[in-house]
Amino acid sequence: MGEYDLTLRNGLVVNGVDAFEADIGVVDGQIVAIAAHLSPGKRDEDCTGMMVLPGGVDTHVHLDQPAPGAAMCDDFASGTASAAAGGTTTVVCFAWQEKGQSLRKVRDDYLQRAQKGARVDFAFHLAITDPTDSVIHEELPQLIDLGDRSVKVFMTYDGVRLQDREILNVLAQAAKHGALVCVHAEHHELIEWLTEQLINAGLTAPKYHALAKPMAAEREAVGRVVALAEASGGHIQIFHVSGEDSAIEIARAQENGRPVTAETCPHYLVLTAKDLDRPGFEGAKFIFGPPARTEADREALWKYIKDGTIDVISSDHSPFRYNDKNGKMVAGDDAPFNKIPNGIPGLAARLPVFFNEAVSKKRTEITDFVRLISTNPAKRFGLYPQKGTIAVGSDADFVILDPKRKITLTNAMMHHNSDYTPYEGYECVGYPVATYLRGELIFDGQTVTGAPGIGRYLSRKPYLTPRKTSLLDQT
């Protein structure tokens, strides 16, 4: 019998700081040895010519979530199948509160559904849309103590957005208990006003979505929530930074010592507003918020990725079906842009698309890629070193990637429930050939082999120091 349950042999092992040839030995789902010429395992896999990376950590994922008038099409089973197919072994998704709901009950319901369906490991952001006194002062501290140490707030969208005063209450309570607040930052009233002007002028096609949600709306909201965090002492992460102006606001905050971090997504590095200008209703496939920007914004984002202003790459997987009355066509196949659900699928595409843009096109080193796709998100959300690295004692989560494999993406490769991918026809060099979760093969390069329910809930221990640096503490 082999000394190890699994041995990965002869691969290029890549972490966020170094890359080296070695074998990896796994026992009981954990890495127990990293060295040259390990003895054979009960399962022995030759990874010659392959890169062995820590499993991807995607910290911005919507699964089994309601949407106003429509329905996201991935539950935990299908969404995490897509994750496995894309080399992602850990997701942080939303426990989504609706008006009038108990946050604790919502989270407990999500936990039950995830435990039945998830094929990868998972944690939760607490999405607060109704910040009542009991939610803020009773339920939120309890849930943080249970290990749900991140919160999501929206500054736009009817029915879910919070007023500034409500955001301050969330930020202050999260700061007190050492939780991170993630922010969708767009100026709601500006977007409403622009939308009204466009609709009244008869400018309703999908391409006008980008005009209704300009960079000015994002830039202003980023600056405002940074000020709110400064006043309340909150730790914040700005989600889905879409272009240069908002990145400049974040960089300025970081230079001034504010605890502000940021992520962006592959669709902002590949798509532009021009993709909304498709024949007929096709542009609806590319409606997400904030929208894709200009080619100049797309290129500028790389500057802020390289200098560390943006240090996480997420998918913002928000999956709707296109040709579906419960999806993008919920208001018909000629609906105005403001009646089309916001969101695109992206879980399976995140890792290969970003690998192609970052490594294959020689914009970054492979170690930078691993930091952005796995190590940094694991650290940011309290999952490191259990996740996000290949090290003795860490979970045996791996993606085996062929860096020379040339492939054209199709929807069938995404393993999700959506009937389209915005990356259809995208050509990339480098693709996952296997994904392992805690030493078990969950994707063999073609088929998702991980069963629903094998994913584990990740309760996060305290990793952020409760802050006492609000403006009130200066009195």
Protein backbone atom coordinates (compact mmCIF):
# COMPACT_ATOMS: atom_id res chain seq x y z
CA MET A 1 0.00 0.00 0.00
CA GLY A 2 1.19 3.50 -0.75
CA GLU A 3 2.29 5.85 1.98
CA TYR A 4 -0.03 8.54 0.59
CA ASP A 5 -3.66 8.51 -0.46
CA LEU A 6 -2.69 10.59 -3.48
CA THR A 7 0.60 11.62 -5.02
CA LEU A 8 0.86 14.30 -7.68
CA ARG A 9 4.16 13.72 -9.40
CA ASN A 10 6.51 15.74 -11.63
CA GLY A 11 4.43 18.92 -11.88
CA LEU A 12 5.48 22.54 -11.61
CA VAL A 13 4.10 23.50 -8.19
CA VAL A 14 3.08 27.16 -8.16
CA ASN A 15 2.26 29.26 -5.12
CA GLY A 16 1.83 32.98 -4.74
CA VAL A 17 5.53 33.51 -4.09
CA ASP A 18 7.41 30.75 -5.93
CA ALA A 19 7.28 27.95 -8.48
CA PHE A 20 9.29 24.74 -8.35
CA GLU A 21 9.19 21.16 -9.55
CA ALA A 22 8.13 18.72 -6.83
CA ASP A 23 5.86 15.86 -5.88
CA ILE A 24 2.96 16.37 -3.47
CA GLY A 25 1.73 13.76 -1.00
CA VAL A 26 -1.82 13.80 0.38
CA VAL A 27 -3.29 11.95 3.37
CA ASP A 28 -6.87 12.37 4.65
CA GLY A 29 -7.52 15.38 2.44
CA GLN A 30 -4.51 17.38 3.58
CA ILE A 31 -1.08 18.01 2.10
CA VAL A 32 1.49 16.14 4.20
CA ALA A 33 4.61 16.24 2.01
CA ILE A 34 6.13 18.38 -0.75
CA ALA A 35 9.45 17.07 -2.03
CA ALA A 36 11.23 15.50 -4.96
CA HIS A 37 10.73 11.77 -5.62
CA LEU A 38 8.06 10.91 -3.07
CA SER A 39 7.08 7.27 -2.77
CA PRO A 40 4.04 6.21 -4.81
CA GLY A 41 0.57 6.92 -3.47
CA LYS A 42 -2.48 4.69 -3.55
CA ARG A 43 -3.40 6.97 -6.44
CA ASP A 44 -0.41 8.22 -8.37
CA GLU A 45 -0.89 10.97 -10.96
CA ASP A 46 1.85 12.03 -13.36
CA CYS A 47 1.69 15.80 -13.89
CA THR A 48 4.65 16.11 -16.25
CA GLY A 49 4.33 19.29 -18.30
CA MET A 50 1.50 20.55 -16.09
CA MET A 51 1.24 23.32 -13.54
CA VAL A 52 -0.09 22.30 -10.12
CA LEU A 53 -1.84 25.31 -8.58
CA PRO A 54 -3.81 25.76 -5.36
CA GLY A 55 -7.52 25.44 -6.05
CA GLY A 56 -9.15 28.68 -7.08
CA VAL A 57 -10.95 30.76 -4.44
CA ASP A 58 -13.82 32.80 -5.87
CA THR A 59 -15.13 35.29 -3.33
CA HIS A 60 -18.00 36.83 -5.32
CA VAL A 61 -20.59 34.23 -6.30
CA HIS A 62 -24.40 34.30 -6.46
CA LEU A 63 -26.06 30.87 -6.11
CA ASP A 64 -29.63 29.77 -5.42
CA GLN A 65 -30.59 33.42 -5.10
CA PRO A 66 -33.88 35.18 -5.87
CA ALA A 67 -33.93 38.13 -8.24
CA PRO A 68 -36.72 40.70 -8.68
CA GLY A 69 -39.16 39.25 -11.23
CA ALA A 70 -36.62 36.75 -12.51
CA ALA A 71 -34.67 33.76 -11.27
CA MET A 72 -30.96 33.09 -11.23
CA CYS A 73 -30.53 29.72 -12.86
CA ASP A 74 -27.79 28.07 -10.78
CA ASP A 75 -28.42 26.35 -7.47
CA PHE A 76 -25.57 25.06 -5.35
CA ALA A 77 -25.26 21.79 -7.29
CA SER A 78 -25.06 23.32 -10.76
CA GLY A 79 -23.12 26.42 -9.73
CA THR A 80 -20.43 24.49 -7.92
CA ALA A 81 -20.22 22.03 -10.82
CA SER A 82 -19.27 25.07 -12.88
CA ALA A 83 -16.76 26.06 -10.22
CA ALA A 84 -15.12 22.62 -10.31
CA ALA A 85 -14.92 22.68 -14.11
CA GLY A 86 -13.11 26.01 -13.90
CA GLY A 87 -10.56 24.97 -11.28
CA THR A 88 -12.31 26.66 -8.35
CA THR A 89 -12.52 24.66 -5.13
CA THR A 90 -13.85 27.32 -2.73
CA VAL A 91 -16.63 29.85 -3.22
CA VAL A 92 -17.87 32.63 -0.99
CA CYS A 93 -21.49 33.24 -1.94
CA PHE A 94 -24.34 35.33 -0.59
CA ALA A 95 -26.88 34.54 2.09
CA TRP A 96 -29.36 36.97 0.57
CA GLN A 97 -31.80 38.73 2.87
CA GLU A 98 -35.00 40.16 1.43
CA LYS A 99 -37.19 42.83 3.05
CA GLY A 100 -38.82 41.63 6.25
CA GLN A 101 -36.67 38.54 6.62
CA SER A 102 -34.58 37.48 9.59
CA LEU A 103 -30.92 37.49 8.55
CA ARG A 104 -30.24 34.51 10.81
CA LYS A 105 -33.06 32.46 9.28
CA VAL A 106 -31.93 33.36 5.76
CA ARG A 107 -28.38 32.26 6.51
CA ASP A 108 -29.54 29.01 8.13
CA ASP A 109 -31.72 28.22 5.10
CA TYR A 110 -28.82 28.87 2.73
CA LEU A 111 -26.58 26.64 4.83
CA GLN A 112 -29.01 23.74 4.57
CA ARG A 113 -29.34 24.11 0.81
CA ALA A 114 -25.59 24.43 0.33
CA GLN A 115 -24.83 21.38 2.45
CA LYS A 116 -27.13 19.32 0.22
CA GLY A 117 -25.88 20.63 -3.11
CA ALA A 118 -22.36 22.05 -2.97
CA ARG A 119 -19.61 20.18 -4.81
CA VAL A 120 -16.87 22.53 -3.52
CA ASP A 121 -16.23 24.11 -0.13
CA PHE A 122 -18.12 27.31 0.66
CA ALA A 123 -18.52 30.27 2.98
CA PHE A 124 -21.03 33.11 3.14
CA HIS A 125 -21.28 36.86 2.78
CA LEU A 126 -24.27 38.21 4.70
CA ALA A 127 -26.19 40.32 2.16
CA ILE A 128 -28.12 42.87 4.20
CA THR A 129 -31.04 44.61 2.47
CA ASP A 130 -33.22 45.30 5.52
CA PRO A 131 -31.00 46.59 8.36
CA THR A 132 -33.49 46.64 11.20
CA ASP A 133 -32.31 47.18 14.76
CA SER A 134 -32.61 43.47 15.51
CA VAL A 135 -30.64 42.54 12.39
CA ILE A 136 -27.84 45.02 13.11
CA HIS A 137 -27.55 44.70 16.89
CA GLU A 138 -28.57 41.09 17.52
CA GLU A 139 -28.36 38.86 14.44
CA LEU A 140 -25.28 40.32 12.76
CA PRO A 141 -22.98 39.95 15.79
CA GLN A 142 -24.23 36.39 16.34
CA LEU A 143 -23.55 35.40 12.74
CA ILE A 144 -20.13 36.99 12.75
CA ASP A 145 -19.29 34.98 15.85
CA LEU A 146 -20.47 31.82 14.05
CA GLY A 147 -17.89 32.48 11.33
CA ASP A 148 -19.69 34.50 8.65
CA ARG A 149 -17.19 37.33 8.78
CA SER A 150 -18.14 39.37 5.72
CA VAL A 151 -21.15 41.49 4.82
CA LYS A 152 -22.47 42.80 1.50
CA VAL A 153 -24.27 46.12 1.02
CA PHE A 154 -25.64 47.76 -2.11
CA MET A 155 -25.68 51.48 -2.84
CA THR A 156 -28.04 50.99 -5.80
CA TYR A 157 -30.95 48.81 -7.04
CA ASP A 158 -34.49 49.28 -5.81
CA GLY A 159 -35.47 46.94 -3.01
CA VAL A 160 -31.92 46.10 -1.91
CA ARG A 161 -29.99 49.37 -1.67
CA LEU A 162 -29.26 50.96 1.67
CA GLN A 163 -29.32 54.64 2.51
CA ASP A 164 -26.05 56.19 3.67
CA ARG A 165 -27.18 56.25 7.29
CA GLU A 166 -28.01 52.54 7.10
CA ILE A 167 -24.64 51.82 5.55
CA LEU A 168 -22.99 53.67 8.41
CA ASN A 169 -24.82 51.47 10.91
CA VAL A 170 -23.66 48.33 9.11
CA LEU A 171 -20.09 49.59 8.84
CA ALA A 172 -19.89 50.56 12.50
CA GLN A 173 -21.25 47.24 13.76
CA ALA A 174 -19.04 45.24 11.40
CA ALA A 175 -16.01 47.25 12.52
CA LYS A 176 -16.85 46.59 16.16
CA HIS A 177 -16.88 42.83 15.57
CA GLY A 178 -14.05 42.59 13.03
CA ALA A 179 -16.03 41.84 9.86
CA LEU A 180 -15.30 43.00 6.31
CA VAL A 181 -18.00 44.94 4.44
CA CYS A 182 -18.15 44.39 0.68
CA VAL A 183 -19.75 47.17 -1.34
CA HIS A 184 -21.54 47.48 -4.65
CA ALA A 185 -20.77 51.15 -5.24
CA GLU A 186 -22.92 53.09 -7.72
CA HIS A 187 -24.85 56.35 -7.30
CA HIS A 188 -28.51 55.28 -7.36
CA GLU A 189 -30.21 58.62 -7.96
CA LEU A 190 -27.86 59.52 -10.82
CA ILE A 191 -28.57 56.18 -12.51
CA GLU A 192 -32.32 56.64 -12.01
CA TRP A 193 -32.23 60.13 -13.51
CA LEU A 194 -30.19 59.09 -16.54
CA THR A 195 -32.38 56.05 -17.09
CA GLU A 196 -35.48 58.24 -17.08
CA GLN A 197 -33.95 60.60 -19.63
CA LEU A 198 -32.97 57.75 -21.95
CA ILE A 199 -36.29 55.93 -21.71
CA ASN A 200 -38.25 59.14 -22.32
CA ALA A 201 -36.15 59.75 -25.42
CA GLY A 202 -36.95 56.28 -26.75
CA LEU A 203 -33.37 55.04 -26.24
CA THR A 204 -34.20 51.63 -24.82
CA ALA A 205 -31.89 49.09 -26.52
CA PRO A 206 -29.43 47.09 -24.38
CA LYS A 207 -26.53 49.30 -25.49
CA TYR A 208 -27.99 52.23 -23.51
CA HIS A 209 -27.43 50.33 -20.27
CA ALA A 210 -23.85 51.62 -20.32
CA LEU A 211 -24.98 55.23 -20.70
CA ALA A 212 -27.41 54.89 -17.80
CA LYS A 213 -24.67 53.64 -15.47
CA PRO A 214 -21.62 55.78 -16.32
CA MET A 215 -18.28 55.76 -14.60
CA ALA A 216 -19.32 58.97 -12.84
CA ALA A 217 -21.90 56.96 -10.88
CA GLU A 218 -19.30 54.43 -9.79
CA ARG A 219 -16.55 56.94 -9.08
CA GLU A 220 -18.78 59.08 -6.87
CA ALA A 221 -20.11 56.12 -4.90
CA VAL A 222 -16.63 54.73 -4.29
CA GLY A 223 -15.46 58.06 -2.92
CA ARG A 224 -18.56 58.34 -0.75
CA VAL A 225 -18.37 54.89 0.80
CA VAL A 226 -14.67 55.39 1.52
CA ALA A 227 -15.68 58.49 3.50
CA LEU A 228 -18.41 56.54 5.29
CA ALA A 229 -15.89 53.84 6.21
CA GLU A 230 -13.48 56.48 7.49
CA ALA A 231 -16.17 57.97 9.69
CA SER A 232 -17.38 54.62 11.05
CA GLY A 233 -14.09 52.75 11.28
CA GLY A 234 -15.15 50.05 8.83
CA HIS A 235 -13.01 47.69 6.77
CA ILE A 236 -14.34 47.67 3.18
CA GLN A 237 -13.73 45.91 -0.10
CA ILE A 238 -15.02 47.51 -3.30
CA PHE A 239 -16.52 44.86 -5.54
CA HIS A 240 -16.24 44.69 -9.35
CA VAL A 241 -14.11 47.76 -10.06
CA SER A 242 -14.83 48.46 -13.72
CA GLY A 243 -12.37 51.14 -14.81
CA GLU A 244 -9.73 53.72 -14.13
CA ASP A 245 -11.60 56.49 -12.33
CA SER A 246 -12.90 54.26 -9.53
CA ALA A 247 -9.51 52.56 -9.27
CA ILE A 248 -7.91 55.99 -8.78
CA GLU A 249 -10.29 56.69 -5.88
CA ILE A 250 -9.32 53.38 -4.26
CA ALA A 251 -5.61 53.96 -4.79
CA ARG A 252 -5.91 57.39 -3.15
CA ALA A 253 -7.69 55.87 -0.16
CA GLN A 254 -5.02 53.22 0.21
CA GLU A 255 -2.26 55.80 0.00
CA ASN A 256 -3.98 57.65 2.86
CA GLY A 257 -3.95 54.52 5.01
CA ARG A 258 -7.62 53.63 4.71
CA PRO A 259 -8.49 49.91 5.08
CA VAL A 260 -9.92 49.67 1.56
CA THR A 261 -9.27 46.81 -0.87
CA ALA A 262 -10.66 46.02 -4.29
CA GLU A 263 -11.48 43.31 -6.78
CA THR A 264 -12.24 43.21 -10.48
CA CYS A 265 -13.57 40.48 -12.76
CA PRO A 266 -12.48 38.91 -16.07
CA HIS A 267 -15.40 40.48 -17.93
CA TYR A 268 -13.99 43.95 -17.28
CA LEU A 269 -10.67 42.81 -18.78
CA VAL A 270 -12.17 41.22 -21.88
CA LEU A 271 -15.45 42.97 -22.72
CA THR A 272 -16.30 46.63 -23.43
CA ALA A 273 -19.49 48.64 -23.74
CA LYS A 274 -19.41 47.85 -27.46
CA ASP A 275 -20.47 44.29 -26.63
CA LEU A 276 -23.86 45.65 -25.61
CA ASP A 277 -24.40 46.90 -29.17
CA ARG A 278 -25.41 43.57 -30.71
CA PRO A 279 -28.19 42.85 -33.20
CA GLY A 280 -31.70 42.64 -31.79
CA PHE A 281 -31.79 41.59 -28.14
CA GLU A 282 -28.35 39.91 -28.12
CA GLY A 283 -26.83 42.75 -26.13
CA ALA A 284 -28.88 41.59 -23.13
CA LYS A 285 -26.38 38.78 -22.70
CA PHE A 286 -23.81 41.40 -21.68
CA ILE A 287 -25.88 43.44 -19.23
CA PHE A 288 -24.25 43.48 -15.81
CA GLY A 289 -23.53 46.21 -13.30
CA PRO A 290 -21.41 48.22 -13.27
CA PRO A 291 -21.28 47.81 -17.04
CA ALA A 292 -18.24 47.09 -19.16
CA ARG A 293 -16.44 50.34 -19.96
CA THR A 294 -14.08 51.54 -22.68
CA GLU A 295 -11.02 49.88 -24.14
CA ALA A 296 -8.96 52.49 -22.27
CA ASP A 297 -10.57 51.46 -18.97
CA ARG A 298 -9.93 47.81 -19.77
CA GLU A 299 -6.23 48.46 -20.28
CA ALA A 300 -5.98 50.83 -17.30
CA LEU A 301 -7.21 48.11 -14.95
CA TRP A 302 -3.99 46.20 -15.56
CA LYS A 303 -1.98 49.07 -14.08
CA TYR A 304 -3.96 48.83 -10.85
CA ILE A 305 -3.74 45.04 -10.80
CA LYS A 306 0.03 45.17 -11.20
CA ASP A 307 0.56 47.79 -8.49
CA GLY A 308 -1.69 45.94 -6.03
CA THR A 309 -4.53 48.46 -5.81
CA ILE A 310 -6.76 45.67 -7.13
CA ASP A 311 -5.58 42.39 -5.65
CA VAL A 312 -8.46 39.93 -6.11
CA ILE A 313 -10.03 38.54 -9.28
CA SER A 314 -13.57 37.21 -8.81
CA SER A 315 -16.23 36.02 -11.25
CA ASP A 316 -19.31 37.86 -9.91
CA HIS A 317 -21.17 34.80 -11.17
CA SER A 318 -24.78 36.06 -11.46
CA PRO A 319 -26.33 33.54 -13.85
CA PHE A 320 -29.50 34.05 -15.83
CA ARG A 321 -30.71 32.15 -18.85
CA TYR A 322 -31.00 34.25 -22.02
CA ASN A 323 -33.88 32.71 -23.98
CA ASP A 324 -36.11 32.31 -20.94
CA LYS A 325 -39.13 34.16 -19.59
CA ASN A 326 -37.63 33.77 -16.11
CA GLY A 327 -34.26 35.06 -17.24
CA LYS A 328 -33.06 37.88 -19.47
CA MET A 329 -36.42 37.89 -21.30
CA VAL A 330 -38.51 38.24 -18.14
CA ALA A 331 -40.01 41.45 -19.59
CA GLY A 332 -40.05 40.16 -23.17
CA ASP A 333 -37.54 39.84 -25.99
CA ASP A 334 -37.72 43.58 -26.72
CA ALA A 335 -37.63 44.85 -23.15
CA PRO A 336 -35.99 48.20 -22.40
CA PHE A 337 -32.52 47.93 -20.88
CA ASN A 338 -33.74 48.86 -17.39
CA LYS A 339 -36.08 45.83 -17.29
CA ILE A 340 -33.38 43.29 -18.18
CA PRO A 341 -31.85 41.44 -15.20
CA ASN A 342 -28.28 42.42 -14.39
CA GLY A 343 -25.74 39.61 -14.30
CA ILE A 344 -23.77 37.07 -16.29
CA PRO A 345 -22.44 33.57 -15.61
CA GLY A 346 -18.69 33.32 -15.13
CA LEU A 347 -17.60 30.71 -12.57
CA ALA A 348 -16.04 28.19 -14.95
CA ALA A 349 -14.53 30.88 -17.17
CA ARG A 350 -12.83 32.92 -14.43
CA LEU A 351 -9.61 30.97 -14.12
CA PRO A 352 -8.89 30.13 -17.80
CA VAL A 353 -9.87 33.57 -19.10
CA PHE A 354 -7.72 35.33 -16.53
CA PHE A 355 -4.84 32.90 -17.08
CA ASN A 356 -4.90 33.68 -20.78
CA GLU A 357 -5.09 37.44 -20.24
CA ALA A 358 -2.53 37.52 -17.43
CA VAL A 359 -0.01 34.75 -18.07
CA SER A 360 -0.35 33.60 -21.67
CA LYS A 361 -0.32 37.22 -22.85
CA LYS A 362 2.64 37.90 -20.53
CA ARG A 363 1.06 40.67 -18.50
CA THR A 364 1.97 39.01 -15.18
CA GLU A 365 4.04 36.15 -13.83
CA ILE A 366 2.40 32.86 -12.91
CA THR A 367 2.96 33.57 -9.20
CA ASP A 368 1.04 36.85 -9.57
CA PHE A 369 -1.78 34.90 -11.19
CA VAL A 370 -1.97 32.50 -8.25
CA ARG A 371 -2.04 35.36 -5.75
CA LEU A 372 -4.90 37.07 -7.57
CA ILE A 373 -7.02 34.00 -8.23
CA SER A 374 -6.43 32.04 -5.02
CA THR A 375 -4.04 33.27 -2.33
CA ASN A 376 -5.22 36.87 -1.95
CA PRO A 377 -8.95 36.04 -1.87
CA ALA A 378 -8.24 33.32 0.71
CA LYS A 379 -6.35 35.81 2.86
CA ARG A 380 -8.87 38.61 2.39
CA PHE A 381 -11.73 36.46 3.63
CA GLY A 382 -10.06 34.53 6.43
CA LEU A 383 -9.56 31.19 4.64
CA TYR A 384 -5.75 31.14 4.45
CA PRO A 385 -3.70 28.93 4.87
CA GLN A 386 -6.38 26.24 4.83
CA LYS A 387 -7.12 27.48 1.32
CA GLY A 388 -5.16 29.46 -1.24
CA THR A 389 -1.76 27.78 -1.00
CA ILE A 390 0.07 24.52 -1.53
CA ALA A 391 1.74 23.91 1.82
CA VAL A 392 2.04 21.12 4.36
CA GLY A 393 -1.11 21.22 6.50
CA SER A 394 -3.25 22.99 3.91
CA ASP A 395 -6.27 21.37 2.29
CA ALA A 396 -5.33 19.27 -0.74
CA ASP A 397 -7.18 21.51 -3.20
CA PHE A 398 -5.50 21.58 -6.60
CA VAL A 399 -6.13 22.60 -10.16
CA ILE A 400 -3.91 20.83 -12.69
CA LEU A 401 -3.47 23.25 -15.57
CA ASP A 402 -2.00 22.59 -19.00
CA PRO A 403 -0.35 25.94 -19.84
CA LYS A 404 -0.04 25.09 -23.54
CA ARG A 405 -3.52 23.77 -24.22
CA LYS A 406 -5.29 25.93 -26.80
CA ILE A 407 -9.04 25.93 -26.54
CA THR A 408 -12.08 27.87 -27.70
CA LEU A 409 -14.66 28.34 -24.98
CA THR A 410 -18.23 27.16 -25.50
CA ASN A 411 -21.26 27.16 -23.26
CA ALA A 412 -21.14 23.36 -23.00
CA MET A 413 -17.78 23.64 -21.24
CA MET A 414 -19.20 25.85 -18.48
CA HIS A 415 -21.23 23.09 -16.73
CA HIS A 416 -23.76 25.64 -15.47
CA ASN A 417 -27.52 25.91 -16.00
CA SER A 418 -27.36 29.00 -18.19
CA ASP A 419 -28.03 28.65 -21.92
CA TYR A 420 -25.15 30.96 -22.83
CA THR A 421 -21.73 32.21 -21.82
CA PRO A 422 -20.55 35.76 -22.56
CA TYR A 423 -17.20 34.15 -23.45
CA GLU A 424 -18.57 32.03 -26.32
CA GLY A 425 -15.82 31.76 -28.95
CA TYR A 426 -13.12 33.20 -26.69
CA GLU A 427 -9.77 31.61 -27.52
CA CYS A 428 -7.41 30.93 -24.66
CA VAL A 429 -4.08 29.24 -24.10
CA GLY A 430 -4.00 27.33 -20.81
CA TYR A 431 -6.84 25.26 -19.41
CA PRO A 432 -7.63 23.06 -16.37
CA VAL A 433 -7.31 19.33 -16.99
CA ALA A 434 -8.22 18.24 -13.44
CA THR A 435 -9.55 19.70 -10.18
CA TYR A 436 -9.12 18.13 -6.74
CA LEU A 437 -11.01 19.01 -3.56
CA ARG A 438 -9.34 17.77 -0.37
CA GLY A 439 -7.53 15.12 -2.42
CA GLU A 440 -10.60 13.88 -4.30
CA LEU A 441 -10.94 14.32 -8.06
CA ILE A 442 -14.00 16.50 -8.75
CA PHE A 443 -13.30 17.35 -12.43
CA ASP A 444 -11.38 15.13 -14.84
CA GLY A 445 -10.99 17.61 -17.67
CA GLN A 446 -14.33 16.83 -19.27
CA THR A 447 -16.74 15.58 -16.61
CA VAL A 448 -17.60 16.94 -13.18
CA THR A 449 -17.09 13.91 -10.93
CA GLY A 450 -17.67 15.56 -7.55
CA ALA A 451 -21.05 14.66 -6.07
CA PRO A 452 -23.52 17.21 -4.69
CA GLY A 453 -23.07 17.60 -0.94
CA ILE A 454 -19.33 16.90 -0.70
CA GLY A 455 -18.60 20.58 -0.19
CA ARG A 456 -18.05 21.73 3.37
CA TYR A 457 -19.09 24.93 5.09
CA LEU A 458 -16.10 27.03 6.13
CA SER A 459 -16.61 28.84 9.41
CA ARG A 460 -14.03 31.61 9.50
CA LYS A 461 -12.16 32.44 12.67
CA PRO A 462 -11.46 36.10 13.56
CA TYR A 463 -8.91 37.51 11.16
CA LEU A 464 -9.60 41.25 11.21
CA THR A 465 -8.87 43.31 14.30
CA PRO A 466 -11.99 45.13 15.51
CA ARG A 467 -11.44 48.79 14.73
CA LYS A 468 -11.66 51.76 17.09
CA THR A 469 -10.50 54.43 14.67
CA SER A 470 -13.77 56.09 13.69
CA LEU A 471 -14.07 59.87 13.76
CA LEU A 472 -15.96 59.55 17.05
CA ASP A 473 -12.88 58.04 18.68
CA GLN A 474 -10.98 61.23 17.98
CA THR A 475 -13.15 63.25 20.34
